[in-house]
Amino acid sequence: MKTVCFTGHRHISPQEREPLETALSREILQQIQQGATCFRAGGAVGFDTMAALAVLKHRCDYPDIRLELILPCPSQPARWSAEDVRV
């Protein structure tokens, strides 16, 4: 099993968001094609959330991949919005 881990900044400027999402999606797809099945991200807002959502989008086409959230503390979800919890 090949595992890919994500880490990044909490604050992403609006002008960086779209190019970063495009590059992230491309990289995830490349990792899947190279045998990655497990993707891990932290539970912080910002890049962690962006990476997790990108992995979930790719699950539509690649149902065998999985996302694991690595939470730094038990209270981490307390900072999430209701929408973030639902996703």
C-alpha atoms as a PDB file:
ATOM      1  CA  MET A   1       0.000   0.000   0.000  1.00  0.00           C
ATOM      2  CA  LYS A   2       1.353   3.411  -0.968  1.00  0.00           C
ATOM      3  CA  THR A   3       0.385   6.277   1.349  1.00  0.00           C
ATOM      4  CA  VAL A   4       0.462   9.983   0.527  1.00  0.00           C
ATOM      5  CA  CYS A   5       0.442  12.628   3.278  1.00  0.00           C
ATOM      6  CA  PHE A   6      -0.459  16.302   2.949  1.00  0.00           C
ATOM      7  CA  THR A   7       0.599  19.281   4.998  1.00  0.00           C
ATOM      8  CA  GLY A   8       0.415  22.976   4.241  1.00  0.00           C
ATOM      9  CA  HIS A   9      -0.550  26.450   5.320  1.00  0.00           C
ATOM     10  CA  ARG A  10      -3.807  27.379   6.986  1.00  0.00           C
ATOM     11  CA  HIS A  11      -4.078  30.674   5.126  1.00  0.00           C
ATOM     12  CA  ILE A  12      -4.276  30.503   1.341  1.00  0.00           C
ATOM     13  CA  SER A  13      -4.772  33.749  -0.532  1.00  0.00           C
ATOM     14  CA  PRO A  14      -7.709  33.959  -2.958  1.00  0.00           C
ATOM     15  CA  GLN A  15      -5.376  34.359  -5.945  1.00  0.00           C
ATOM     16  CA  GLU A  16      -3.471  31.193  -4.976  1.00  0.00           C
ATOM     17  CA  ARG A  17      -6.535  29.024  -4.357  1.00  0.00           C
ATOM     18  CA  GLU A  18      -7.527  28.010  -7.901  1.00  0.00           C
ATOM     19  CA  PRO A  19      -4.015  27.252  -9.221  1.00  0.00           C
ATOM     20  CA  LEU A  20      -3.259  25.310  -6.037  1.00  0.00           C
ATOM     21  CA  GLU A  21      -6.477  23.276  -6.310  1.00  0.00           C
ATOM     22  CA  THR A  22      -5.629  22.442  -9.939  1.00  0.00           C
ATOM     23  CA  ALA A  23      -2.061  21.389  -9.094  1.00  0.00           C
ATOM     24  CA  LEU A  24      -3.265  19.394  -6.083  1.00  0.00           C
ATOM     25  CA  SER A  25      -5.860  17.511  -8.130  1.00  0.00           C
ATOM     26  CA  ARG A  26      -3.260  16.732 -10.796  1.00  0.00           C
ATOM     27  CA  GLU A  27      -0.801  15.464  -8.176  1.00  0.00           C
ATOM     28  CA  ILE A  28      -3.402  13.274  -6.483  1.00  0.00           C
ATOM     29  CA  LEU A  29      -4.305  11.716  -9.823  1.00  0.00           C
ATOM     30  CA  GLN A  30      -0.635  11.088 -10.579  1.00  0.00           C
ATOM     31  CA  GLN A  31      -0.164   9.442  -7.172  1.00  0.00           C
ATOM     32  CA  ILE A  32      -3.211   7.228  -7.763  1.00  0.00           C
ATOM     33  CA  GLN A  33      -1.790   6.167 -11.120  1.00  0.00           C
ATOM     34  CA  GLN A  34       1.468   5.291  -9.337  1.00  0.00           C
ATOM     35  CA  GLY A  35      -0.340   3.032  -6.881  1.00  0.00           C
ATOM     36  CA  ALA A  36      -1.361   5.270  -3.974  1.00  0.00           C
ATOM     37  CA  THR A  37      -4.465   4.038  -2.190  1.00  0.00           C
ATOM     38  CA  CYS A  38      -4.292   5.858   1.143  1.00  0.00           C
ATOM     39  CA  PHE A  39      -4.225   9.636   1.515  1.00  0.00           C
ATOM     40  CA  ARG A  40      -3.726  11.373   4.860  1.00  0.00           C
ATOM     41  CA  ALA A  41      -4.387  14.982   5.797  1.00  0.00           C
ATOM     42  CA  GLY A  42      -4.585  16.948   9.028  1.00  0.00           C
ATOM     43  CA  GLY A  43      -7.796  18.448  10.284  1.00  0.00           C
ATOM     44  CA  ALA A  44      -6.909  22.127  10.028  1.00  0.00           C
ATOM     45  CA  VAL A  45      -8.646  24.618   7.773  1.00  0.00           C
ATOM     46  CA  GLY A  46      -6.683  25.741   4.743  1.00  0.00           C
ATOM     47  CA  PHE A  47      -4.512  23.317   2.796  1.00  0.00           C
ATOM     48  CA  ASP A  48      -5.424  20.280   4.931  1.00  0.00           C
ATOM     49  CA  THR A  49      -9.100  20.775   4.114  1.00  0.00           C
ATOM     50  CA  MET A  50      -8.353  21.530   0.463  1.00  0.00           C
ATOM     51  CA  ALA A  51      -6.357  18.304   0.133  1.00  0.00           C
ATOM     52  CA  ALA A  52      -9.007  16.210   1.880  1.00  0.00           C
ATOM     53  CA  LEU A  53     -11.787  17.547  -0.357  1.00  0.00           C
ATOM     54  CA  ALA A  54      -9.679  16.927  -3.467  1.00  0.00           C
ATOM     55  CA  VAL A  55      -9.149  13.300  -2.443  1.00  0.00           C
ATOM     56  CA  LEU A  56     -12.876  12.864  -1.848  1.00  0.00           C
ATOM     57  CA  LYS A  57     -13.628  14.217  -5.342  1.00  0.00           C
ATOM     58  CA  HIS A  58     -11.299  11.626  -6.864  1.00  0.00           C
ATOM     59  CA  ARG A  59     -13.082   8.842  -4.979  1.00  0.00           C
ATOM     60  CA  CYS A  60     -15.944   9.175  -7.457  1.00  0.00           C
ATOM     61  CA  ASP A  61     -13.662   7.765 -10.163  1.00  0.00           C
ATOM     62  CA  TYR A  62     -11.376   5.720  -7.883  1.00  0.00           C
ATOM     63  CA  PRO A  63     -13.537   4.166  -5.144  1.00  0.00           C
ATOM     64  CA  ASP A  64     -10.633   2.080  -3.807  1.00  0.00           C
ATOM     65  CA  ILE A  65      -8.738   5.104  -2.481  1.00  0.00           C
ATOM     66  CA  ARG A  66      -9.337   6.206   1.090  1.00  0.00           C
ATOM     67  CA  LEU A  67      -8.863   9.353   3.103  1.00  0.00           C
ATOM     68  CA  GLU A  68      -7.601   9.339   6.677  1.00  0.00           C
ATOM     69  CA  LEU A  69      -7.655  12.481   8.795  1.00  0.00           C
ATOM     70  CA  ILE A  70      -4.800  12.747  11.242  1.00  0.00           C
ATOM     71  CA  LEU A  71      -6.129  15.019  13.964  1.00  0.00           C
ATOM     72  CA  PRO A  72      -3.557  16.729  16.172  1.00  0.00           C
ATOM     73  CA  CYS A  73      -5.867  16.799  19.194  1.00  0.00           C
ATOM     74  CA  PRO A  74      -9.277  15.415  20.213  1.00  0.00           C
ATOM     75  CA  SER A  75     -10.875  18.872  20.127  1.00  0.00           C
ATOM     76  CA  GLN A  76      -9.795  19.608  16.527  1.00  0.00           C
ATOM     77  CA  PRO A  77     -13.305  19.125  15.050  1.00  0.00           C
ATOM     78  CA  ALA A  78     -14.664  21.750  17.455  1.00  0.00           C
ATOM     79  CA  ARG A  79     -13.205  24.390  15.112  1.00  0.00           C
ATOM     80  CA  TRP A  80     -14.939  22.993  12.028  1.00  0.00           C
ATOM     81  CA  SER A  81     -18.107  24.480  10.580  1.00  0.00           C
ATOM     82  CA  ALA A  82     -21.260  22.372  10.387  1.00  0.00           C
ATOM     83  CA  GLU A  83     -20.651  21.996   6.627  1.00  0.00           C
ATOM     84  CA  ASP A  84     -17.098  20.754   7.241  1.00  0.00           C
ATOM     85  CA  VAL A  85     -18.380  18.138   9.681  1.00  0.00           C
ATOM     86  CA  ARG A  86     -21.010  16.974   7.173  1.00  0.00           C
ATOM     87  CA  VAL A  87     -18.432  16.447   4.398  1.00  0.00           C
END
